[in-house]
Amino acid sequence: MGPELDAELVELAGLKYWNEHEARVVVEAWRRSGESRAAFGRRYGIHPRRLGRWAKQMEEQTEEPVLFHPVHLVQREEQLWGGPIEIELGRDCRVRVAGGFETRDLERVLGVLAQGGWC
């Protein structure tokens, strides 16, 4: 470790509380050192439990990163009716219509059926 990092670690060790960034600097320096928590702590005046607590907290935070995928909205053609539907016009007369039909086409079919006495 260089003298600048050593000076920063001594300064951070003197703080009563660390924010996440400060703790990350200390924990990463400890891991790179290859020393035990106790040896690293003695060198910089950091209690080994404090170091262990922050290390554990950082491991839990980095278990599964959140991934975002790009989303592209595509405009769909407007359907006049969602369908499918089934209409019973009598005991033996049914009309089945698939989804996406035009309302006016169904009106014409029903009109023809009603006029012709089919149902």
C-alpha atoms as a PDB file:
ATOM      1  CA  MET A   1       0.000   0.000   0.000  1.00  0.00           C
ATOM      2  CA  GLY A   2       1.177   3.471  -0.770  1.00  0.00           C
ATOM      3  CA  PRO A   3       1.733   6.291   1.713  1.00  0.00           C
ATOM      4  CA  GLU A   4      -1.427   8.127   0.578  1.00  0.00           C
ATOM      5  CA  LEU A   5      -3.630   5.104   1.275  1.00  0.00           C
ATOM      6  CA  ASP A   6      -1.867   4.527   4.595  1.00  0.00           C
ATOM      7  CA  ALA A   7      -2.598   8.128   5.616  1.00  0.00           C
ATOM      8  CA  GLU A   8      -6.227   7.780   4.524  1.00  0.00           C
ATOM      9  CA  LEU A   9      -6.644   4.533   6.477  1.00  0.00           C
ATOM     10  CA  VAL A  10      -5.202   6.121   9.633  1.00  0.00           C
ATOM     11  CA  GLU A  11      -7.616   9.038   9.207  1.00  0.00           C
ATOM     12  CA  LEU A  12     -10.595   6.715   8.612  1.00  0.00           C
ATOM     13  CA  ALA A  13      -9.638   4.587  11.605  1.00  0.00           C
ATOM     14  CA  GLY A  14      -9.994   7.663  13.813  1.00  0.00           C
ATOM     15  CA  LEU A  15     -13.610   8.284  12.734  1.00  0.00           C
ATOM     16  CA  LYS A  16     -16.321   7.112  15.081  1.00  0.00           C
ATOM     17  CA  TYR A  17     -18.682   6.276  12.198  1.00  0.00           C
ATOM     18  CA  TRP A  18     -18.026   5.305   8.577  1.00  0.00           C
ATOM     19  CA  ASN A  19     -20.313   5.839   5.654  1.00  0.00           C
ATOM     20  CA  GLU A  20     -20.457   3.082   3.044  1.00  0.00           C
ATOM     21  CA  HIS A  21     -17.770   4.612   0.825  1.00  0.00           C
ATOM     22  CA  GLU A  22     -15.330   4.998   3.739  1.00  0.00           C
ATOM     23  CA  ALA A  23     -15.965   1.457   4.920  1.00  0.00           C
ATOM     24  CA  ARG A  24     -15.456   0.133   1.400  1.00  0.00           C
ATOM     25  CA  VAL A  25     -12.023   1.830   1.216  1.00  0.00           C
ATOM     26  CA  VAL A  26     -10.978   0.191   4.499  1.00  0.00           C
ATOM     27  CA  VAL A  27     -12.385  -3.268   3.693  1.00  0.00           C
ATOM     28  CA  GLU A  28     -10.851  -3.348   0.208  1.00  0.00           C
ATOM     29  CA  ALA A  29      -7.469  -2.252   1.622  1.00  0.00           C
ATOM     30  CA  TRP A  30      -7.674  -5.040   4.216  1.00  0.00           C
ATOM     31  CA  ARG A  31      -8.523  -7.668   1.581  1.00  0.00           C
ATOM     32  CA  ARG A  32      -5.675  -6.540  -0.700  1.00  0.00           C
ATOM     33  CA  SER A  33      -3.220  -6.616   2.208  1.00  0.00           C
ATOM     34  CA  GLY A  34      -3.553 -10.374   2.715  1.00  0.00           C
ATOM     35  CA  GLU A  35      -3.335  -9.829   6.475  1.00  0.00           C
ATOM     36  CA  SER A  36      -5.713 -11.195   9.057  1.00  0.00           C
ATOM     37  CA  ARG A  37      -8.311  -8.791  10.414  1.00  0.00           C
ATOM     38  CA  ALA A  38      -6.457  -8.647  13.715  1.00  0.00           C
ATOM     39  CA  ALA A  39      -3.072  -7.813  12.119  1.00  0.00           C
ATOM     40  CA  PHE A  40      -4.577  -5.196   9.799  1.00  0.00           C
ATOM     41  CA  GLY A  41      -6.581  -3.727  12.669  1.00  0.00           C
ATOM     42  CA  ARG A  42      -3.512  -3.452  14.933  1.00  0.00           C
ATOM     43  CA  ARG A  43      -1.552  -1.673  12.207  1.00  0.00           C
ATOM     44  CA  TYR A  44      -4.247   0.995  11.657  1.00  0.00           C
ATOM     45  CA  GLY A  45      -6.033   1.056  15.011  1.00  0.00           C
ATOM     46  CA  ILE A  46      -9.262  -0.535  13.730  1.00  0.00           C
ATOM     47  CA  HIS A  47     -11.136  -3.054  15.839  1.00  0.00           C
ATOM     48  CA  PRO A  48     -11.283  -6.405  13.982  1.00  0.00           C
ATOM     49  CA  ARG A  49     -15.013  -6.806  14.720  1.00  0.00           C
ATOM     50  CA  ARG A  50     -15.741  -3.469  13.081  1.00  0.00           C
ATOM     51  CA  LEU A  51     -13.848  -4.551  10.001  1.00  0.00           C
ATOM     52  CA  GLY A  52     -15.624  -7.930   9.930  1.00  0.00           C
ATOM     53  CA  ARG A  53     -19.064  -6.360  10.359  1.00  0.00           C
ATOM     54  CA  TRP A  54     -18.528  -4.034   7.384  1.00  0.00           C
ATOM     55  CA  ALA A  55     -17.038  -6.819   5.253  1.00  0.00           C
ATOM     56  CA  LYS A  56     -20.073  -9.024   5.911  1.00  0.00           C
ATOM     57  CA  GLN A  57     -22.493  -6.195   5.154  1.00  0.00           C
ATOM     58  CA  MET A  58     -20.780  -5.517   1.821  1.00  0.00           C
ATOM     59  CA  GLU A  59     -20.860  -9.204   0.861  1.00  0.00           C
ATOM     60  CA  GLU A  60     -24.604  -9.325   1.513  1.00  0.00           C
ATOM     61  CA  GLN A  61     -25.176  -6.247  -0.638  1.00  0.00           C
ATOM     62  CA  THR A  62     -23.304  -7.648  -3.624  1.00  0.00           C
ATOM     63  CA  GLU A  63     -24.833 -11.122  -3.751  1.00  0.00           C
ATOM     64  CA  GLU A  64     -27.113 -10.540  -6.757  1.00  0.00           C
ATOM     65  CA  PRO A  65     -26.877  -7.348  -8.748  1.00  0.00           C
ATOM     66  CA  VAL A  66     -30.029  -5.916 -10.236  1.00  0.00           C
ATOM     67  CA  LEU A  67     -29.991  -6.042 -14.006  1.00  0.00           C
ATOM     68  CA  PHE A  68     -32.005  -3.806 -16.292  1.00  0.00           C
ATOM     69  CA  HIS A  69     -32.840  -4.634 -19.877  1.00  0.00           C
ATOM     70  CA  PRO A  70     -33.813  -2.104 -22.515  1.00  0.00           C
ATOM     71  CA  VAL A  71     -37.503  -1.992 -23.338  1.00  0.00           C
ATOM     72  CA  HIS A  72     -38.886  -0.776 -26.640  1.00  0.00           C
ATOM     73  CA  LEU A  73     -42.555   0.109 -26.860  1.00  0.00           C
ATOM     74  CA  VAL A  74     -44.263  -0.880 -30.066  1.00  0.00           C
ATOM     75  CA  GLN A  75     -47.557   0.722 -31.008  1.00  0.00           C
ATOM     76  CA  ARG A  76     -50.160  -1.889 -31.827  1.00  0.00           C
ATOM     77  CA  GLU A  77     -53.080  -1.480 -34.167  1.00  0.00           C
ATOM     78  CA  GLU A  78     -56.189  -0.727 -32.215  1.00  0.00           C
ATOM     79  CA  GLN A  79     -58.637  -3.586 -32.208  1.00  0.00           C
ATOM     80  CA  LEU A  80     -62.266  -2.700 -32.062  1.00  0.00           C
ATOM     81  CA  TRP A  81     -63.223  -5.824 -30.156  1.00  0.00           C
ATOM     82  CA  GLY A  82     -61.057  -8.160 -28.118  1.00  0.00           C
ATOM     83  CA  GLY A  83     -63.077 -11.368 -28.685  1.00  0.00           C
ATOM     84  CA  PRO A  84     -63.489 -14.230 -29.059  1.00  0.00           C
ATOM     85  CA  ILE A  85     -67.213 -14.229 -28.256  1.00  0.00           C
ATOM     86  CA  GLU A  86     -70.163 -16.552 -28.704  1.00  0.00           C
ATOM     87  CA  ILE A  87     -73.728 -15.303 -29.155  1.00  0.00           C
ATOM     88  CA  GLU A  88     -76.795 -17.547 -28.712  1.00  0.00           C
ATOM     89  CA  LEU A  89     -79.740 -16.280 -30.747  1.00  0.00           C
ATOM     90  CA  GLY A  90     -82.031 -19.171 -30.031  1.00  0.00           C
ATOM     91  CA  ARG A  91     -82.043 -22.750 -28.953  1.00  0.00           C
ATOM     92  CA  ASP A  92     -80.134 -24.058 -31.965  1.00  0.00           C
ATOM     93  CA  CYS A  93     -78.563 -20.872 -33.317  1.00  0.00           C
ATOM     94  CA  ARG A  94     -75.106 -19.701 -32.253  1.00  0.00           C
ATOM     95  CA  VAL A  95     -72.674 -17.225 -33.746  1.00  0.00           C
ATOM     96  CA  ARG A  96     -68.980 -17.584 -32.857  1.00  0.00           C
ATOM     97  CA  VAL A  97     -66.731 -14.645 -33.590  1.00  0.00           C
ATOM     98  CA  ALA A  98     -62.925 -14.644 -33.370  1.00  0.00           C
ATOM     99  CA  GLY A  99     -61.061 -11.750 -31.762  1.00  0.00           C
ATOM    100  CA  GLY A 100     -60.191  -8.647 -33.757  1.00  0.00           C
ATOM    101  CA  PHE A 101     -63.387  -8.447 -35.830  1.00  0.00           C
ATOM    102  CA  GLU A 102     -64.953  -5.246 -37.084  1.00  0.00           C
ATOM    103  CA  THR A 103     -68.100  -4.268 -35.196  1.00  0.00           C
ATOM    104  CA  ARG A 104     -69.955  -3.266 -38.348  1.00  0.00           C
ATOM    105  CA  ASP A 105     -69.326  -6.707 -39.915  1.00  0.00           C
ATOM    106  CA  LEU A 106     -70.908  -8.426 -36.918  1.00  0.00           C
ATOM    107  CA  GLU A 107     -73.861  -6.035 -37.040  1.00  0.00           C
ATOM    108  CA  ARG A 108     -74.451  -6.934 -40.695  1.00  0.00           C
ATOM    109  CA  VAL A 109     -74.277 -10.699 -39.984  1.00  0.00           C
ATOM    110  CA  LEU A 110     -76.738 -10.390 -37.086  1.00  0.00           C
ATOM    111  CA  GLY A 111     -79.041  -8.238 -39.227  1.00  0.00           C
ATOM    112  CA  VAL A 112     -79.109 -10.823 -41.999  1.00  0.00           C
ATOM    113  CA  LEU A 113     -79.810 -13.612 -39.506  1.00  0.00           C
ATOM    114  CA  ALA A 114     -82.632 -11.670 -37.878  1.00  0.00           C
ATOM    115  CA  GLN A 115     -84.285 -10.721 -41.208  1.00  0.00           C
ATOM    116  CA  GLY A 116     -84.020 -14.186 -42.709  1.00  0.00           C
ATOM    117  CA  GLY A 117     -85.565 -15.944 -39.713  1.00  0.00           C
ATOM    118  CA  TRP A 118     -82.578 -18.210 -39.416  1.00  0.00           C
ATOM    119  CA  CYS A 119     -82.698 -18.226 -35.662  1.00  0.00           C
END
